[in-house]
Amino acid sequence: MLGDELNHSSIIFGVRLSGASVRVFKHNNMIDLRNLLREVISQGQPRTHRPWKKIVIIVEGLYSMEGSIVNLPELIKLKQEFKFYLYVDEAHSVGALGENGGGVCDFYGINPKHVDIMMGTFTKSFGAAGGYIAGDKNVIDHLRVKNHAFSYAETMSPPIIQQVSASMGIIM
């Protein structure tokens, strides 16, 4: 996993829980990310130096403490070149960025299909509770089966769903 040095502490904590090997690149610096990608691909896994099976880049759409926006167009170019998976945390950007409030993809006019996993919260722009994760069917099916939080979680209550729906209508 490669992550922006200014990723939110919740991302850092989640990655630590996953047990993934973690490397950090300078904030929103695509040159540093490119160099880091070249290094991790050429060196392989620690100790064995076997090729990595998956490389995941985790970034935020809008960095709330800095007010900076991820350089998604350049990140997508790197993704096409290096074939990594892209995870975008939209907790602060959905509802705040883009002509339609759709977050960082909407802001740049980029089709969300270029992002492998998008997640966000309903607590900020929506004034509700809970959150969402979006990805292709295989990813979502995997999360449904393997994520203990999903297996033991309660469903969202109708008033919360109504709040999210009404907020979405206002944002759009």
C-alpha atoms as a PDB file:
ATOM      1  CA  MET A   1       0.000   0.000   0.000  1.00  0.00           C
ATOM      2  CA  LEU A   2       1.256   3.439  -0.918  1.00  0.00           C
ATOM      3  CA  GLY A   3      -0.341   6.445   0.704  1.00  0.00           C
ATOM      4  CA  ASP A   4      -0.143  10.199   0.734  1.00  0.00           C
ATOM      5  CA  GLU A   5       1.803  11.472   3.746  1.00  0.00           C
ATOM      6  CA  LEU A   6      -1.169  13.636   4.762  1.00  0.00           C
ATOM      7  CA  ASN A   7      -3.807  10.892   4.694  1.00  0.00           C
ATOM      8  CA  HIS A   8      -6.269  11.123   7.575  1.00  0.00           C
ATOM      9  CA  SER A   9      -5.446   9.165  10.721  1.00  0.00           C
ATOM     10  CA  SER A  10      -8.461   6.890  10.117  1.00  0.00           C
ATOM     11  CA  ILE A  11      -6.870   5.719   6.849  1.00  0.00           C
ATOM     12  CA  ILE A  12      -3.522   5.148   8.554  1.00  0.00           C
ATOM     13  CA  PHE A  13      -5.197   3.195  11.362  1.00  0.00           C
ATOM     14  CA  GLY A  14      -7.185   1.059   8.902  1.00  0.00           C
ATOM     15  CA  VAL A  15      -4.101   0.237   6.862  1.00  0.00           C
ATOM     16  CA  ARG A  16      -2.214  -0.746  10.014  1.00  0.00           C
ATOM     17  CA  LEU A  17      -5.060  -3.097  10.952  1.00  0.00           C
ATOM     18  CA  SER A  18      -4.886  -4.698   7.497  1.00  0.00           C
ATOM     19  CA  GLY A  19      -1.280  -5.750   8.015  1.00  0.00           C
ATOM     20  CA  ALA A  20      -0.303  -4.411   4.602  1.00  0.00           C
ATOM     21  CA  SER A  21       3.200  -3.198   3.912  1.00  0.00           C
ATOM     22  CA  VAL A  22       3.048   0.597   3.844  1.00  0.00           C
ATOM     23  CA  ARG A  23       5.111   3.224   2.050  1.00  0.00           C
ATOM     24  CA  VAL A  24       4.379   6.939   2.000  1.00  0.00           C
ATOM     25  CA  PHE A  25       4.855   9.539  -0.728  1.00  0.00           C
ATOM     26  CA  LYS A  26       5.060  13.311  -0.397  1.00  0.00           C
ATOM     27  CA  HIS A  27       1.717  15.071  -0.286  1.00  0.00           C
ATOM     28  CA  ASN A  28       0.110  15.228  -3.729  1.00  0.00           C
ATOM     29  CA  ASN A  29       3.542  14.886  -5.343  1.00  0.00           C
ATOM     30  CA  MET A  30       3.184  12.722  -8.421  1.00  0.00           C
ATOM     31  CA  ILE A  31       6.927  12.792  -9.168  1.00  0.00           C
ATOM     32  CA  ASP A  32       7.672  11.354  -5.726  1.00  0.00           C
ATOM     33  CA  LEU A  33       4.898   8.776  -6.211  1.00  0.00           C
ATOM     34  CA  ARG A  34       6.320   7.763  -9.613  1.00  0.00           C
ATOM     35  CA  ASN A  35       9.786   7.296  -8.081  1.00  0.00           C
ATOM     36  CA  LEU A  36       8.329   5.296  -5.197  1.00  0.00           C
ATOM     37  CA  LEU A  37       6.352   3.093  -7.594  1.00  0.00           C
ATOM     38  CA  ARG A  38       9.496   2.389  -9.610  1.00  0.00           C
ATOM     39  CA  GLU A  39      11.362   1.512  -6.433  1.00  0.00           C
ATOM     40  CA  VAL A  40       8.742  -0.838  -4.951  1.00  0.00           C
ATOM     41  CA  ILE A  41       8.156  -2.570  -8.285  1.00  0.00           C
ATOM     42  CA  SER A  42      11.874  -3.082  -8.964  1.00  0.00           C
ATOM     43  CA  GLN A  43      12.697  -4.188  -5.392  1.00  0.00           C
ATOM     44  CA  GLY A  44       9.665  -6.420  -4.814  1.00  0.00           C
ATOM     45  CA  GLN A  45       8.543  -7.587  -1.406  1.00  0.00           C
ATOM     46  CA  PRO A  46      10.779  -7.149   1.643  1.00  0.00           C
ATOM     47  CA  ARG A  47      13.079 -10.115   2.411  1.00  0.00           C
ATOM     48  CA  THR A  48      11.920 -12.291  -0.537  1.00  0.00           C
ATOM     49  CA  HIS A  49      12.012  -9.666  -3.313  1.00  0.00           C
ATOM     50  CA  ARG A  50       9.141 -11.475  -5.010  1.00  0.00           C
ATOM     51  CA  PRO A  51       6.950  -9.270  -7.184  1.00  0.00           C
ATOM     52  CA  TRP A  52       3.995  -7.633  -5.478  1.00  0.00           C
ATOM     53  CA  LYS A  53       0.631  -9.224  -6.242  1.00  0.00           C
ATOM     54  CA  LYS A  54      -1.190  -5.934  -5.705  1.00  0.00           C
ATOM     55  CA  ILE A  55      -0.207  -2.336  -5.196  1.00  0.00           C
ATOM     56  CA  VAL A  56      -2.883  -0.035  -3.818  1.00  0.00           C
ATOM     57  CA  ILE A  57      -2.616   3.743  -3.718  1.00  0.00           C
ATOM     58  CA  ILE A  58      -4.785   5.398  -1.074  1.00  0.00           C
ATOM     59  CA  VAL A  59      -5.520   9.117  -1.278  1.00  0.00           C
ATOM     60  CA  GLU A  60      -8.158  11.560  -0.146  1.00  0.00           C
ATOM     61  CA  GLY A  61     -10.241  13.559  -2.603  1.00  0.00           C
ATOM     62  CA  LEU A  62     -10.094  16.692  -0.448  1.00  0.00           C
ATOM     63  CA  TYR A  63      -7.572  16.960   2.362  1.00  0.00           C
ATOM     64  CA  SER A  64      -9.640  18.661   5.037  1.00  0.00           C
ATOM     65  CA  MET A  65      -6.807  20.060   7.138  1.00  0.00           C
ATOM     66  CA  GLU A  66      -4.875  21.482   4.170  1.00  0.00           C
ATOM     67  CA  GLY A  67      -7.734  22.284   1.819  1.00  0.00           C
ATOM     68  CA  SER A  68      -5.833  20.698  -1.064  1.00  0.00           C
ATOM     69  CA  ILE A  69      -7.397  18.499  -3.724  1.00  0.00           C
ATOM     70  CA  VAL A  70      -5.788  15.304  -4.966  1.00  0.00           C
ATOM     71  CA  ASN A  71      -4.218  15.568  -8.413  1.00  0.00           C
ATOM     72  CA  LEU A  72      -6.560  12.923  -9.790  1.00  0.00           C
ATOM     73  CA  PRO A  73      -5.796  13.454 -13.509  1.00  0.00           C
ATOM     74  CA  GLU A  74      -2.089  12.755 -12.967  1.00  0.00           C
ATOM     75  CA  LEU A  75      -2.884   9.892 -10.611  1.00  0.00           C
ATOM     76  CA  ILE A  76      -5.047   8.274 -13.311  1.00  0.00           C
ATOM     77  CA  LYS A  77      -2.170   8.620 -15.816  1.00  0.00           C
ATOM     78  CA  LEU A  78       0.162   6.881 -13.352  1.00  0.00           C
ATOM     79  CA  LYS A  79      -2.460   4.190 -12.775  1.00  0.00           C
ATOM     80  CA  GLN A  80      -2.617   3.452 -16.502  1.00  0.00           C
ATOM     81  CA  GLU A  81       1.171   3.247 -16.651  1.00  0.00           C
ATOM     82  CA  PHE A  82       1.859   1.218 -13.484  1.00  0.00           C
ATOM     83  CA  LYS A  83      -1.397  -0.807 -13.211  1.00  0.00           C
ATOM     84  CA  PHE A  84      -2.053  -0.253  -9.500  1.00  0.00           C
ATOM     85  CA  TYR A  85      -5.379  -0.147  -7.670  1.00  0.00           C
ATOM     86  CA  LEU A  86      -6.701   3.259  -6.653  1.00  0.00           C
ATOM     87  CA  TYR A  87      -8.650   3.915  -3.455  1.00  0.00           C
ATOM     88  CA  VAL A  88     -10.099   7.417  -2.984  1.00  0.00           C
ATOM     89  CA  ASP A  89     -11.491   8.586   0.336  1.00  0.00           C
ATOM     90  CA  GLU A  90     -14.296  11.017  -0.507  1.00  0.00           C
ATOM     91  CA  ALA A  91     -15.259  11.795   3.103  1.00  0.00           C
ATOM     92  CA  HIS A  92     -14.610  15.512   2.673  1.00  0.00           C
ATOM     93  CA  SER A  93     -15.050  15.959  -1.072  1.00  0.00           C
ATOM     94  CA  VAL A  94     -18.463  14.462  -1.828  1.00  0.00           C
ATOM     95  CA  GLY A  95     -21.027  17.236  -1.532  1.00  0.00           C
ATOM     96  CA  ALA A  96     -18.272  19.865  -1.515  1.00  0.00           C
ATOM     97  CA  LEU A  97     -16.514  19.452  -4.876  1.00  0.00           C
ATOM     98  CA  GLY A  98     -17.723  19.313  -8.430  1.00  0.00           C
ATOM     99  CA  GLU A  99     -20.458  20.962 -10.401  1.00  0.00           C
ATOM    100  CA  ASN A 100     -22.943  18.365  -9.119  1.00  0.00           C
ATOM    101  CA  GLY A 101     -21.385  17.845  -5.681  1.00  0.00           C
ATOM    102  CA  GLY A 102     -20.161  14.441  -6.778  1.00  0.00           C
ATOM    103  CA  GLY A 103     -16.700  14.763  -5.307  1.00  0.00           C
ATOM    104  CA  VAL A 104     -13.280  14.771  -6.864  1.00  0.00           C
ATOM    105  CA  CYS A 105     -14.237  12.820 -10.026  1.00  0.00           C
ATOM    106  CA  ASP A 106     -17.041  15.312 -10.661  1.00  0.00           C
ATOM    107  CA  PHE A 107     -14.636  18.188  -9.948  1.00  0.00           C
ATOM    108  CA  TYR A 108     -12.204  17.010 -12.641  1.00  0.00           C
ATOM    109  CA  GLY A 109     -14.806  15.577 -15.021  1.00  0.00           C
ATOM    110  CA  ILE A 110     -13.286  12.100 -14.689  1.00  0.00           C
ATOM    111  CA  ASN A 111     -15.399   8.972 -14.992  1.00  0.00           C
ATOM    112  CA  PRO A 112     -15.475   7.247 -11.567  1.00  0.00           C
ATOM    113  CA  LYS A 113     -14.790   3.896 -13.273  1.00  0.00           C
ATOM    114  CA  HIS A 114     -11.106   4.893 -13.218  1.00  0.00           C
ATOM    115  CA  VAL A 115     -11.159   4.652  -9.414  1.00  0.00           C
ATOM    116  CA  ASP A 116     -11.236   1.089  -8.073  1.00  0.00           C
ATOM    117  CA  ILE A 117     -12.662   1.878  -4.633  1.00  0.00           C
ATOM    118  CA  MET A 118     -14.383   5.035  -3.480  1.00  0.00           C
ATOM    119  CA  MET A 119     -15.606   5.508   0.033  1.00  0.00           C
ATOM    120  CA  GLY A 120     -17.272   8.296   1.885  1.00  0.00           C
ATOM    121  CA  THR A 121     -19.240   9.167   4.927  1.00  0.00           C
ATOM    122  CA  PHE A 122     -22.794  10.379   5.361  1.00  0.00           C
ATOM    123  CA  THR A 123     -21.823  12.332   8.485  1.00  0.00           C
ATOM    124  CA  LYS A 124     -20.344  15.392   6.823  1.00  0.00           C
ATOM    125  CA  SER A 125     -22.103  16.760   3.728  1.00  0.00           C
ATOM    126  CA  PHE A 126     -25.213  14.688   4.398  1.00  0.00           C
ATOM    127  CA  GLY A 127     -25.653  15.448   8.099  1.00  0.00           C
ATOM    128  CA  ALA A 128     -26.620  11.825   8.748  1.00  0.00           C
ATOM    129  CA  ALA A 129     -24.830   8.665   9.913  1.00  0.00           C
ATOM    130  CA  GLY A 130     -23.052   5.805   8.198  1.00  0.00           C
ATOM    131  CA  GLY A 131     -21.174   5.791   4.960  1.00  0.00           C
ATOM    132  CA  TYR A 132     -20.690   4.072   1.648  1.00  0.00           C
ATOM    133  CA  ILE A 133     -18.121   2.171  -0.315  1.00  0.00           C
ATOM    134  CA  ALA A 134     -18.267   1.832  -4.083  1.00  0.00           C
ATOM    135  CA  GLY A 135     -16.393  -0.448  -6.426  1.00  0.00           C
ATOM    136  CA  ASP A 136     -16.972  -3.192  -8.931  1.00  0.00           C
ATOM    137  CA  LYS A 137     -19.183  -6.141  -8.008  1.00  0.00           C
ATOM    138  CA  ASN A 138     -16.272  -8.446  -7.120  1.00  0.00           C
ATOM    139  CA  VAL A 139     -14.844  -5.961  -4.629  1.00  0.00           C
ATOM    140  CA  ILE A 140     -18.203  -5.314  -2.987  1.00  0.00           C
ATOM    141  CA  ASP A 141     -19.016  -9.046  -2.828  1.00  0.00           C
ATOM    142  CA  HIS A 142     -15.624  -9.695  -1.221  1.00  0.00           C
ATOM    143  CA  LEU A 143     -16.245  -6.994   1.381  1.00  0.00           C
ATOM    144  CA  ARG A 144     -19.684  -8.395   2.161  1.00  0.00           C
ATOM    145  CA  VAL A 145     -18.208 -11.806   2.898  1.00  0.00           C
ATOM    146  CA  LYS A 146     -14.910 -10.874   4.583  1.00  0.00           C
ATOM    147  CA  ASN A 147     -15.642  -7.643   6.459  1.00  0.00           C
ATOM    148  CA  HIS A 148     -16.670  -8.501  10.008  1.00  0.00           C
ATOM    149  CA  ALA A 149     -18.082  -4.994  10.497  1.00  0.00           C
ATOM    150  CA  PHE A 150     -20.539  -5.594   7.644  1.00  0.00           C
ATOM    151  CA  SER A 151     -21.541  -9.006   8.930  1.00  0.00           C
ATOM    152  CA  TYR A 152     -22.414  -7.723  12.399  1.00  0.00           C
ATOM    153  CA  ALA A 153     -23.605  -4.227  11.564  1.00  0.00           C
ATOM    154  CA  GLU A 154     -27.139  -2.987  11.851  1.00  0.00           C
ATOM    155  CA  THR A 155     -28.894  -1.680   8.773  1.00  0.00           C
ATOM    156  CA  MET A 156     -29.429   2.043   8.453  1.00  0.00           C
ATOM    157  CA  SER A 157     -32.696   3.224   9.939  1.00  0.00           C
ATOM    158  CA  PRO A 158     -35.370   4.716   7.641  1.00  0.00           C
ATOM    159  CA  PRO A 159     -34.948   8.283   9.058  1.00  0.00           C
ATOM    160  CA  ILE A 160     -31.204   8.160   8.340  1.00  0.00           C
ATOM    161  CA  ILE A 161     -31.824   6.868   4.821  1.00  0.00           C
ATOM    162  CA  GLN A 162     -34.346   9.680   4.280  1.00  0.00           C
ATOM    163  CA  GLN A 163     -31.784  12.240   5.533  1.00  0.00           C
ATOM    164  CA  VAL A 164     -29.159  10.908   3.113  1.00  0.00           C
ATOM    165  CA  SER A 165     -31.654  10.872   0.246  1.00  0.00           C
ATOM    166  CA  ALA A 166     -32.896  14.412   0.940  1.00  0.00           C
ATOM    167  CA  SER A 167     -29.334  15.723   1.293  1.00  0.00           C
ATOM    168  CA  MET A 168     -28.344  14.045  -1.974  1.00  0.00           C
ATOM    169  CA  GLY A 169     -31.259  15.749  -3.699  1.00  0.00           C
ATOM    170  CA  ILE A 170     -30.189  19.149  -2.356  1.00  0.00           C
ATOM    171  CA  ILE A 171     -26.533  18.596  -3.274  1.00  0.00           C
ATOM    172  CA  MET A 172     -27.401  17.536  -6.809  1.00  0.00           C
END
